[in-house]
């Protein structure tokens, strides 16, 4: 039994590596499926509505984020890749929420404009002794005010509120995904928190702090290739639903089915993955 257990544990290492390669391939397939966004002459038709403009922009940025995250993961820099996946998750959550609440798009944009205006005014006030910088920022503020006025003229005052992203995640049914992939990353991987310090060290028996070869990170127990692929899948699915002329739906459905099948067969869903493997071998021997 011990020999079989050892063989199962060795095979698990091979299987997890294979599954990472598979998940990475699914992410690469999503990039290939949506590669029209990389065409040298890619442009939006004038008939595309404002929500479509937003979603396509995030698809463009999301594809770049996935590619950059994969490059970091490929060389073992997982802690540095995780914040990029966090941004991708945010695009997927907010994009889906706006798709479900298109009447809030105006309010969402105006709320952001208000934040930017407030920030610009504060920075301008603090740069009293730097007139050139003040002038440049004032020009930005003037342009922002003109844009806000034009939006009010064209669309009127915004209606409806814009919730925080955790509420958006809950409303679209992604509450767990948000908690896992977004908030936990904020605590350990993005902001200057005590946890971001703790994960850099291991404590030896004598109490000495040892610098870890690779800092811990929020998604260390998960396959980041898979999480990134799923986040991009969610984002592209929203784009495809809003803009069916892209003809992405069948491709996304196929890649999604492959990711789900891989997850359903993952030994890690068992409490003891190695035991599950060697029990599988024993069952095979009996037949």
C-alpha atoms as a PDB file:
ATOM      1  CA  UNK A   1       0.000   0.000   0.000  1.00  0.00           C
ATOM      2  CA  UNK A   2       2.838   2.400   0.817  1.00  0.00           C
ATOM      3  CA  UNK A   3       4.385   1.863  -2.635  1.00  0.00           C
ATOM      4  CA  UNK A   4       1.034   2.548  -4.266  1.00  0.00           C
ATOM      5  CA  UNK A   5       0.567   5.656  -2.142  1.00  0.00           C
ATOM      6  CA  UNK A   6       3.989   6.959  -3.135  1.00  0.00           C
ATOM      7  CA  UNK A   7       3.231   6.274  -6.779  1.00  0.00           C
ATOM      8  CA  UNK A   8      -0.088   8.118  -6.446  1.00  0.00           C
ATOM      9  CA  UNK A   9       1.584  11.144  -4.883  1.00  0.00           C
ATOM     10  CA  UNK A  10       4.159  11.231  -7.669  1.00  0.00           C
ATOM     11  CA  UNK A  11       1.407  10.945 -10.273  1.00  0.00           C
ATOM     12  CA  UNK A  12      -0.491  13.787  -8.645  1.00  0.00           C
ATOM     13  CA  UNK A  13       2.445  16.108  -9.336  1.00  0.00           C
ATOM     14  CA  UNK A  14       2.346  15.101 -13.009  1.00  0.00           C
ATOM     15  CA  UNK A  15      -1.427  15.473 -13.181  1.00  0.00           C
ATOM     16  CA  UNK A  16      -1.467  18.918 -11.571  1.00  0.00           C
ATOM     17  CA  UNK A  17       1.201  20.049 -14.040  1.00  0.00           C
ATOM     18  CA  UNK A  18      -0.876  18.661 -16.901  1.00  0.00           C
ATOM     19  CA  UNK A  19      -3.971  20.424 -15.607  1.00  0.00           C
ATOM     20  CA  UNK A  20      -2.113  23.730 -15.384  1.00  0.00           C
ATOM     21  CA  UNK A  21      -0.995  23.269 -18.985  1.00  0.00           C
ATOM     22  CA  UNK A  22      -4.578  22.491 -19.992  1.00  0.00           C
ATOM     23  CA  UNK A  23      -5.975  25.567 -18.225  1.00  0.00           C
ATOM     24  CA  UNK A  24      -3.287  27.712 -19.816  1.00  0.00           C
ATOM     25  CA  UNK A  25      -4.273  26.286 -23.179  1.00  0.00           C
ATOM     26  CA  UNK A  26      -7.894  27.264 -22.545  1.00  0.00           C
ATOM     27  CA  UNK A  27      -6.783  30.812 -21.784  1.00  0.00           C
ATOM     28  CA  UNK A  28      -4.715  30.864 -24.961  1.00  0.00           C
ATOM     29  CA  UNK A  29      -7.729  29.551 -26.881  1.00  0.00           C
ATOM     30  CA  UNK A  30      -9.812  32.463 -25.584  1.00  0.00           C
ATOM     31  CA  UNK A  31      -7.124  34.866 -26.810  1.00  0.00           C
ATOM     32  CA  UNK A  32      -7.178  33.228 -30.230  1.00  0.00           C
ATOM     33  CA  UNK A  33     -10.989  33.218 -30.353  1.00  0.00           C
ATOM     34  CA  UNK A  34     -11.118  36.970 -29.690  1.00  0.00           C
ATOM     35  CA  UNK A  35      -8.033  37.910 -31.693  1.00  0.00           C
ATOM     36  CA  UNK A  36     -10.089  40.148 -33.976  1.00  0.00           C
ATOM     37  CA  UNK A  37      -9.495  42.761 -31.271  1.00  0.00           C
ATOM     38  CA  UNK A  38      -5.815  42.710 -32.205  1.00  0.00           C
ATOM     39  CA  UNK A  39      -6.346  43.376 -35.916  1.00  0.00           C
ATOM     40  CA  UNK A  40      -4.227  46.310 -37.037  1.00  0.00           C
ATOM     41  CA  UNK A  41      -7.308  48.068 -38.419  1.00  0.00           C
ATOM     42  CA  UNK A  42      -9.782  47.057 -35.697  1.00  0.00           C
ATOM     43  CA  UNK A  43     -12.474  49.678 -35.143  1.00  0.00           C
ATOM     44  CA  UNK A  44     -15.979  49.953 -33.757  1.00  0.00           C
ATOM     45  CA  UNK A  45     -18.980  50.532 -35.952  1.00  0.00           C
ATOM     46  CA  UNK A  46     -20.806  53.799 -35.262  1.00  0.00           C
ATOM     47  CA  UNK A  47     -23.868  51.750 -34.384  1.00  0.00           C
ATOM     48  CA  UNK A  48     -22.184  50.238 -31.303  1.00  0.00           C
ATOM     49  CA  UNK A  49     -23.919  51.561 -28.190  1.00  0.00           C
ATOM     50  CA  UNK A  50     -22.082  53.051 -25.164  1.00  0.00           C
ATOM     51  CA  UNK A  51     -22.232  49.783 -23.223  1.00  0.00           C
ATOM     52  CA  UNK A  52     -20.651  48.003 -26.168  1.00  0.00           C
ATOM     53  CA  UNK A  53     -17.868  50.582 -26.207  1.00  0.00           C
ATOM     54  CA  UNK A  54     -17.203  49.910 -22.507  1.00  0.00           C
ATOM     55  CA  UNK A  55     -17.274  46.122 -22.831  1.00  0.00           C
ATOM     56  CA  UNK A  56     -14.991  46.012 -25.860  1.00  0.00           C
ATOM     57  CA  UNK A  57     -12.483  48.268 -24.101  1.00  0.00           C
ATOM     58  CA  UNK A  58     -12.382  45.900 -21.123  1.00  0.00           C
ATOM     59  CA  UNK A  59     -12.093  42.904 -23.426  1.00  0.00           C
ATOM     60  CA  UNK A  60      -9.063  44.540 -25.067  1.00  0.00           C
ATOM     61  CA  UNK A  61      -7.493  45.283 -21.692  1.00  0.00           C
ATOM     62  CA  UNK A  62      -8.538  41.937 -20.193  1.00  0.00           C
ATOM     63  CA  UNK A  63      -6.841  39.997 -22.983  1.00  0.00           C
ATOM     64  CA  UNK A  64      -3.628  41.910 -22.364  1.00  0.00           C
ATOM     65  CA  UNK A  65      -3.904  41.270 -18.623  1.00  0.00           C
ATOM     66  CA  UNK A  66      -4.292  37.536 -19.134  1.00  0.00           C
ATOM     67  CA  UNK A  67      -1.325  37.401 -21.484  1.00  0.00           C
ATOM     68  CA  UNK A  68       0.836  39.387 -19.056  1.00  0.00           C
ATOM     69  CA  UNK A  69      -0.265  37.249 -16.090  1.00  0.00           C
ATOM     70  CA  UNK A  70       0.578  34.077 -17.987  1.00  0.00           C
ATOM     71  CA  UNK A  71       4.038  35.383 -18.811  1.00  0.00           C
ATOM     72  CA  UNK A  72       4.658  35.980 -15.108  1.00  0.00           C
ATOM     73  CA  UNK A  73       3.233  32.600 -14.121  1.00  0.00           C
ATOM     74  CA  UNK A  74       5.398  30.877 -16.724  1.00  0.00           C
ATOM     75  CA  UNK A  75       8.571  32.084 -14.984  1.00  0.00           C
ATOM     76  CA  UNK A  76       7.342  31.400 -11.447  1.00  0.00           C
ATOM     77  CA  UNK A  77       6.316  34.941 -10.523  1.00  0.00           C
ATOM     78  CA  UNK A  78       2.842  34.013  -9.272  1.00  0.00           C
ATOM     79  CA  UNK A  79       2.619  36.719  -6.554  1.00  0.00           C
ATOM     80  CA  UNK A  80       3.219  39.366  -9.210  1.00  0.00           C
ATOM     81  CA  UNK A  81       0.655  37.805 -11.567  1.00  0.00           C
ATOM     82  CA  UNK A  82      -2.156  37.711  -9.010  1.00  0.00           C
ATOM     83  CA  UNK A  83      -2.846  41.492  -8.969  1.00  0.00           C
ATOM     84  CA  UNK A  84      -3.287  41.387 -12.749  1.00  0.00           C
ATOM     85  CA  UNK A  85      -5.858  38.610 -12.379  1.00  0.00           C
ATOM     86  CA  UNK A  86      -7.608  40.746  -9.765  1.00  0.00           C
ATOM     87  CA  UNK A  87      -8.055  43.560 -12.293  1.00  0.00           C
ATOM     88  CA  UNK A  88      -9.418  41.068 -14.802  1.00  0.00           C
ATOM     89  CA  UNK A  89     -11.916  39.793 -12.225  1.00  0.00           C
ATOM     90  CA  UNK A  90     -13.066  43.369 -11.601  1.00  0.00           C
ATOM     91  CA  UNK A  91     -13.675  43.932 -15.311  1.00  0.00           C
ATOM     92  CA  UNK A  92     -15.687  40.715 -15.463  1.00  0.00           C
ATOM     93  CA  UNK A  93     -17.821  41.631 -12.426  1.00  0.00           C
ATOM     94  CA  UNK A  94     -18.555  45.245 -13.377  1.00  0.00           C
ATOM     95  CA  UNK A  95     -19.070  44.346 -17.038  1.00  0.00           C
ATOM     96  CA  UNK A  96     -21.674  41.704 -16.172  1.00  0.00           C
ATOM     97  CA  UNK A  97     -23.391  44.057 -13.705  1.00  0.00           C
ATOM     98  CA  UNK A  98     -23.642  46.826 -16.311  1.00  0.00           C
ATOM     99  CA  UNK A  99     -24.990  44.322 -18.827  1.00  0.00           C
ATOM    100  CA  UNK A 100     -27.691  43.352 -16.330  1.00  0.00           C
ATOM    101  CA  UNK A 101     -28.353  47.023 -15.451  1.00  0.00           C
ATOM    102  CA  UNK A 102     -27.836  49.011 -18.655  1.00  0.00           C
ATOM    103  CA  UNK A 103     -29.973  51.838 -17.303  1.00  0.00           C
ATOM    104  CA  UNK A 104     -27.225  52.492 -14.721  1.00  0.00           C
ATOM    105  CA  UNK A 105     -24.451  53.037 -17.268  1.00  0.00           C
ATOM    106  CA  UNK A 106     -24.933  56.807 -17.258  1.00  0.00           C
ATOM    107  CA  UNK A 107     -24.909  56.941 -13.443  1.00  0.00           C
ATOM    108  CA  UNK A 108     -21.805  54.719 -13.336  1.00  0.00           C
ATOM    109  CA  UNK A 109     -19.918  57.006 -15.728  1.00  0.00           C
ATOM    110  CA  UNK A 110     -21.025  60.207 -14.009  1.00  0.00           C
ATOM    111  CA  UNK A 111     -20.047  58.841 -10.594  1.00  0.00           C
ATOM    112  CA  UNK A 112     -16.544  58.187 -11.902  1.00  0.00           C
ATOM    113  CA  UNK A 113     -16.394  61.664 -13.411  1.00  0.00           C
ATOM    114  CA  UNK A 114     -17.324  63.105 -10.025  1.00  0.00           C
ATOM    115  CA  UNK A 115     -14.469  61.233  -8.352  1.00  0.00           C
ATOM    116  CA  UNK A 116     -11.995  62.381 -10.984  1.00  0.00           C
ATOM    117  CA  UNK A 117     -13.166  65.983 -10.685  1.00  0.00           C
ATOM    118  CA  UNK A 118     -12.776  65.913  -6.922  1.00  0.00           C
ATOM    119  CA  UNK A 119      -9.261  64.482  -7.213  1.00  0.00           C
ATOM    120  CA  UNK A 120      -8.196  67.044  -9.790  1.00  0.00           C
ATOM    121  CA  UNK A 121      -9.474  69.945  -7.689  1.00  0.00           C
ATOM    122  CA  UNK A 122      -7.623  68.696  -4.617  1.00  0.00           C
ATOM    123  CA  UNK A 123      -4.337  68.202  -6.486  1.00  0.00           C
ATOM    124  CA  UNK A 124      -4.599  71.622  -8.167  1.00  0.00           C
ATOM    125  CA  UNK A 125      -5.103  73.255  -4.776  1.00  0.00           C
ATOM    126  CA  UNK A 126      -1.999  71.523  -3.413  1.00  0.00           C
ATOM    127  CA  UNK A 127       0.188  72.604  -6.346  1.00  0.00           C
ATOM    128  CA  UNK A 128       0.034  76.314  -5.728  1.00  0.00           C
ATOM    129  CA  UNK A 129       3.781  76.673  -6.133  1.00  0.00           C
ATOM    130  CA  UNK A 130       3.929  74.647  -9.375  1.00  0.00           C
ATOM    131  CA  UNK A 131       1.993  76.775 -11.880  1.00  0.00           C
ATOM    132  CA  UNK A 132       2.857  74.672 -14.955  1.00  0.00           C
ATOM    133  CA  UNK A 133       1.483  71.521 -13.347  1.00  0.00           C
ATOM    134  CA  UNK A 134      -1.551  73.455 -12.118  1.00  0.00           C
ATOM    135  CA  UNK A 135      -2.269  74.691 -15.632  1.00  0.00           C
ATOM    136  CA  UNK A 136      -2.015  71.198 -17.128  1.00  0.00           C
ATOM    137  CA  UNK A 137      -4.369  69.755 -14.523  1.00  0.00           C
ATOM    138  CA  UNK A 138      -6.774  72.673 -14.901  1.00  0.00           C
ATOM    139  CA  UNK A 139      -6.978  71.906 -18.608  1.00  0.00           C
ATOM    140  CA  UNK A 140      -7.904  68.308 -17.756  1.00  0.00           C
ATOM    141  CA  UNK A 141     -10.522  69.565 -15.317  1.00  0.00           C
ATOM    142  CA  UNK A 142     -12.024  71.900 -17.921  1.00  0.00           C
ATOM    143  CA  UNK A 143     -12.284  69.053 -20.427  1.00  0.00           C
ATOM    144  CA  UNK A 144     -13.892  66.826 -17.820  1.00  0.00           C
ATOM    145  CA  UNK A 145     -16.464  69.496 -16.955  1.00  0.00           C
ATOM    146  CA  UNK A 146     -17.296  69.983 -20.642  1.00  0.00           C
ATOM    147  CA  UNK A 147     -17.788  66.249 -21.041  1.00  0.00           C
ATOM    148  CA  UNK A 148     -20.037  66.061 -17.985  1.00  0.00           C
ATOM    149  CA  UNK A 149     -22.156  68.939 -19.298  1.00  0.00           C
ATOM    150  CA  UNK A 150     -22.424  67.352 -22.723  1.00  0.00           C
ATOM    151  CA  UNK A 151     -23.543  64.073 -21.163  1.00  0.00           C
ATOM    152  CA  UNK A 152     -26.184  65.872 -19.110  1.00  0.00           C
ATOM    153  CA  UNK A 153     -27.446  67.652 -22.225  1.00  0.00           C
ATOM    154  CA  UNK A 154     -27.622  64.428 -24.241  1.00  0.00           C
ATOM    155  CA  UNK A 155     -28.844  62.026 -21.540  1.00  0.00           C
ATOM    156  CA  UNK A 156     -30.183  64.160 -18.715  1.00  0.00           C
ATOM    157  CA  UNK A 157     -29.399  63.589 -15.061  1.00  0.00           C
ATOM    158  CA  UNK A 158     -28.427  60.007 -14.215  1.00  0.00           C
ATOM    159  CA  UNK A 159     -30.959  57.840 -12.434  1.00  0.00           C
ATOM    160  CA  UNK A 160     -30.373  54.966 -10.052  1.00  0.00           C
ATOM    161  CA  UNK A 161     -27.487  54.301  -7.741  1.00  0.00           C
ATOM    162  CA  UNK A 162     -24.222  52.508  -8.376  1.00  0.00           C
ATOM    163  CA  UNK A 163     -23.358  49.993  -5.641  1.00  0.00           C
ATOM    164  CA  UNK A 164     -19.945  48.957  -4.436  1.00  0.00           C
ATOM    165  CA  UNK A 165     -18.280  46.146  -6.310  1.00  0.00           C
ATOM    166  CA  UNK A 166     -19.029  43.593  -3.573  1.00  0.00           C
ATOM    167  CA  UNK A 167     -22.737  44.331  -4.037  1.00  0.00           C
ATOM    168  CA  UNK A 168     -22.352  44.071  -7.820  1.00  0.00           C
ATOM    169  CA  UNK A 169     -20.722  40.672  -7.376  1.00  0.00           C
ATOM    170  CA  UNK A 170     -23.552  39.469  -5.183  1.00  0.00           C
ATOM    171  CA  UNK A 171     -26.211  40.731  -7.584  1.00  0.00           C
ATOM    172  CA  UNK A 172     -24.678  38.874 -10.552  1.00  0.00           C
ATOM    173  CA  UNK A 173     -24.225  35.674  -8.531  1.00  0.00           C
ATOM    174  CA  UNK A 174     -20.438  35.979  -8.213  1.00  0.00           C
ATOM    175  CA  UNK A 175     -20.231  36.608  -4.486  1.00  0.00           C
ATOM    176  CA  UNK A 176     -17.805  33.780  -3.710  1.00  0.00           C
ATOM    177  CA  UNK A 177     -15.646  34.600  -6.704  1.00  0.00           C
ATOM    178  CA  UNK A 178     -15.428  38.172  -5.536  1.00  0.00           C
ATOM    179  CA  UNK A 179     -14.498  37.243  -1.991  1.00  0.00           C
ATOM    180  CA  UNK A 180     -11.871  34.770  -3.170  1.00  0.00           C
ATOM    181  CA  UNK A 181     -10.306  36.517  -6.087  1.00  0.00           C
ATOM    182  CA  UNK A 182     -10.752  40.171  -5.291  1.00  0.00           C
ATOM    183  CA  UNK A 183     -10.979  41.041  -1.619  1.00  0.00           C
ATOM    184  CA  UNK A 184      -8.416  38.507  -0.424  1.00  0.00           C
ATOM    185  CA  UNK A 185      -5.986  39.796  -3.050  1.00  0.00           C
ATOM    186  CA  UNK A 186      -6.516  43.329  -1.758  1.00  0.00           C
ATOM    187  CA  UNK A 187      -5.382  42.253   1.678  1.00  0.00           C
ATOM    188  CA  UNK A 188      -2.239  40.326   0.750  1.00  0.00           C
ATOM    189  CA  UNK A 189      -1.184  41.207  -2.787  1.00  0.00           C
ATOM    190  CA  UNK A 190      -2.197  44.764  -3.670  1.00  0.00           C
ATOM    191  CA  UNK A 191      -2.293  47.122  -0.686  1.00  0.00           C
ATOM    192  CA  UNK A 192       0.290  47.994   1.964  1.00  0.00           C
ATOM    193  CA  UNK A 193      -1.200  45.871   4.761  1.00  0.00           C
ATOM    194  CA  UNK A 194       0.325  43.881   7.628  1.00  0.00           C
ATOM    195  CA  UNK A 195      -0.635  40.704   5.757  1.00  0.00           C
ATOM    196  CA  UNK A 196       1.458  41.798   2.771  1.00  0.00           C
ATOM    197  CA  UNK A 197       4.398  41.779   5.211  1.00  0.00           C
ATOM    198  CA  UNK A 198       3.559  38.481   6.914  1.00  0.00           C
ATOM    199  CA  UNK A 199       3.434  36.464   3.677  1.00  0.00           C
ATOM    200  CA  UNK A 200       7.049  37.351   2.880  1.00  0.00           C
ATOM    201  CA  UNK A 201       8.394  35.448   5.896  1.00  0.00           C
ATOM    202  CA  UNK A 202       8.431  32.032   7.469  1.00  0.00           C
ATOM    203  CA  UNK A 203       9.221  31.642  11.171  1.00  0.00           C
ATOM    204  CA  UNK A 204      11.893  29.146  12.178  1.00  0.00           C
ATOM    205  CA  UNK A 205      11.775  27.110  15.393  1.00  0.00           C
ATOM    206  CA  UNK A 206      14.044  29.593  17.165  1.00  0.00           C
ATOM    207  CA  UNK A 207      11.765  32.468  16.211  1.00  0.00           C
ATOM    208  CA  UNK A 208      14.010  33.812  13.469  1.00  0.00           C
ATOM    209  CA  UNK A 209      12.211  35.185  10.431  1.00  0.00           C
ATOM    210  CA  UNK A 210      13.254  33.552   7.180  1.00  0.00           C
ATOM    211  CA  UNK A 211      12.622  35.323   3.879  1.00  0.00           C
ATOM    212  CA  UNK A 212      10.643  32.953   1.685  1.00  0.00           C
ATOM    213  CA  UNK A 213      11.959  32.235  -1.829  1.00  0.00           C
ATOM    214  CA  UNK A 214       8.524  33.243  -3.158  1.00  0.00           C
ATOM    215  CA  UNK A 215       6.136  35.350  -1.043  1.00  0.00           C
ATOM    216  CA  UNK A 216       2.779  33.869  -0.231  1.00  0.00           C
ATOM    217  CA  UNK A 217      -0.244  35.212  -2.073  1.00  0.00           C
ATOM    218  CA  UNK A 218      -4.005  35.067  -1.878  1.00  0.00           C
ATOM    219  CA  UNK A 219      -4.541  32.450  -4.583  1.00  0.00           C
ATOM    220  CA  UNK A 220      -1.662  30.159  -3.660  1.00  0.00           C
ATOM    221  CA  UNK A 221      -3.953  27.141  -3.207  1.00  0.00           C
ATOM    222  CA  UNK A 222      -5.546  27.565  -6.625  1.00  0.00           C
ATOM    223  CA  UNK A 223      -4.491  27.210 -10.235  1.00  0.00           C
ATOM    224  CA  UNK A 224      -3.946  30.802 -11.364  1.00  0.00           C
ATOM    225  CA  UNK A 225      -3.931  29.755 -15.018  1.00  0.00           C
ATOM    226  CA  UNK A 226      -7.448  28.413 -14.558  1.00  0.00           C
ATOM    227  CA  UNK A 227      -8.696  31.390 -12.544  1.00  0.00           C
ATOM    228  CA  UNK A 228      -7.381  33.826 -15.138  1.00  0.00           C
ATOM    229  CA  UNK A 229      -8.939  31.824 -17.966  1.00  0.00           C
ATOM    230  CA  UNK A 230     -12.297  31.712 -16.158  1.00  0.00           C
ATOM    231  CA  UNK A 231     -12.223  35.457 -15.511  1.00  0.00           C
ATOM    232  CA  UNK A 232     -11.491  36.225 -19.162  1.00  0.00           C
ATOM    233  CA  UNK A 233     -14.161  33.719 -20.180  1.00  0.00           C
ATOM    234  CA  UNK A 234     -16.724  35.539 -18.032  1.00  0.00           C
ATOM    235  CA  UNK A 235     -15.748  38.895 -19.516  1.00  0.00           C
ATOM    236  CA  UNK A 236     -15.771  37.709 -23.124  1.00  0.00           C
ATOM    237  CA  UNK A 237     -19.094  35.919 -22.591  1.00  0.00           C
ATOM    238  CA  UNK A 238     -20.652  39.227 -21.550  1.00  0.00           C
ATOM    239  CA  UNK A 239     -19.218  40.927 -24.642  1.00  0.00           C
ATOM    240  CA  UNK A 240     -20.449  38.106 -26.882  1.00  0.00           C
ATOM    241  CA  UNK A 241     -23.941  38.292 -25.382  1.00  0.00           C
ATOM    242  CA  UNK A 242     -24.114  42.043 -25.954  1.00  0.00           C
ATOM    243  CA  UNK A 243     -22.545  41.929 -29.416  1.00  0.00           C
ATOM    244  CA  UNK A 244     -23.565  38.624 -31.074  1.00  0.00           C
ATOM    245  CA  UNK A 245     -22.152  39.787 -34.418  1.00  0.00           C
ATOM    246  CA  UNK A 246     -18.705  38.916 -33.045  1.00  0.00           C
ATOM    247  CA  UNK A 247     -19.738  35.237 -33.346  1.00  0.00           C
ATOM    248  CA  UNK A 248     -17.848  34.167 -30.219  1.00  0.00           C
ATOM    249  CA  UNK A 249     -20.640  32.309 -28.451  1.00  0.00           C
ATOM    250  CA  UNK A 250     -20.056  28.770 -29.709  1.00  0.00           C
ATOM    251  CA  UNK A 251     -16.321  29.015 -29.132  1.00  0.00           C
ATOM    252  CA  UNK A 252     -16.790  30.317 -25.600  1.00  0.00           C
ATOM    253  CA  UNK A 253     -19.298  27.568 -24.853  1.00  0.00           C
ATOM    254  CA  UNK A 254     -16.848  24.903 -26.020  1.00  0.00           C
ATOM    255  CA  UNK A 255     -13.955  26.288 -23.968  1.00  0.00           C
ATOM    256  CA  UNK A 256     -16.252  26.673 -20.953  1.00  0.00           C
ATOM    257  CA  UNK A 257     -17.374  23.043 -21.242  1.00  0.00           C
ATOM    258  CA  UNK A 258     -13.748  21.925 -21.336  1.00  0.00           C
ATOM    259  CA  UNK A 259     -12.860  23.950 -18.224  1.00  0.00           C
ATOM    260  CA  UNK A 260     -15.884  22.613 -16.336  1.00  0.00           C
ATOM    261  CA  UNK A 261     -15.098  19.010 -17.318  1.00  0.00           C
ATOM    262  CA  UNK A 262     -11.520  19.420 -16.120  1.00  0.00           C
ATOM    263  CA  UNK A 263     -12.661  20.885 -12.806  1.00  0.00           C
ATOM    264  CA  UNK A 264     -15.246  18.133 -12.259  1.00  0.00           C
ATOM    265  CA  UNK A 265     -12.573  15.444 -12.661  1.00  0.00           C
ATOM    266  CA  UNK A 266      -9.927  17.190 -10.543  1.00  0.00           C
ATOM    267  CA  UNK A 267      -8.635  14.921  -7.741  1.00  0.00           C
ATOM    268  CA  UNK A 268      -8.287  17.993  -5.531  1.00  0.00           C
ATOM    269  CA  UNK A 269     -12.039  17.978  -4.970  1.00  0.00           C
ATOM    270  CA  UNK A 270     -11.409  14.953  -2.723  1.00  0.00           C
ATOM    271  CA  UNK A 271     -10.203  15.393   0.835  1.00  0.00           C
ATOM    272  CA  UNK A 272      -7.242  13.119   0.052  1.00  0.00           C
ATOM    273  CA  UNK A 273      -6.378  13.433  -3.683  1.00  0.00           C
ATOM    274  CA  UNK A 274      -3.595  10.833  -3.544  1.00  0.00           C
ATOM    275  CA  UNK A 275      -5.885   8.304  -1.889  1.00  0.00           C
ATOM    276  CA  UNK A 276      -8.484   8.915  -4.587  1.00  0.00           C
ATOM    277  CA  UNK A 277      -5.872   8.112  -7.234  1.00  0.00           C
ATOM    278  CA  UNK A 278      -4.591   4.924  -5.660  1.00  0.00           C
ATOM    279  CA  UNK A 279      -8.149   3.739  -4.971  1.00  0.00           C
ATOM    280  CA  UNK A 280      -8.805   4.274  -8.660  1.00  0.00           C
ATOM    281  CA  UNK A 281      -5.799   2.063  -9.427  1.00  0.00           C
ATOM    282  CA  UNK A 282      -6.998  -0.607  -7.005  1.00  0.00           C
ATOM    283  CA  UNK A 283     -10.444  -0.618  -8.617  1.00  0.00           C
ATOM    284  CA  UNK A 284      -8.843  -1.054 -12.017  1.00  0.00           C
ATOM    285  CA  UNK A 285      -6.754  -3.998 -10.765  1.00  0.00           C
ATOM    286  CA  UNK A 286      -9.868  -5.726  -9.425  1.00  0.00           C
ATOM    287  CA  UNK A 287     -11.608  -5.541 -12.795  1.00  0.00           C
END
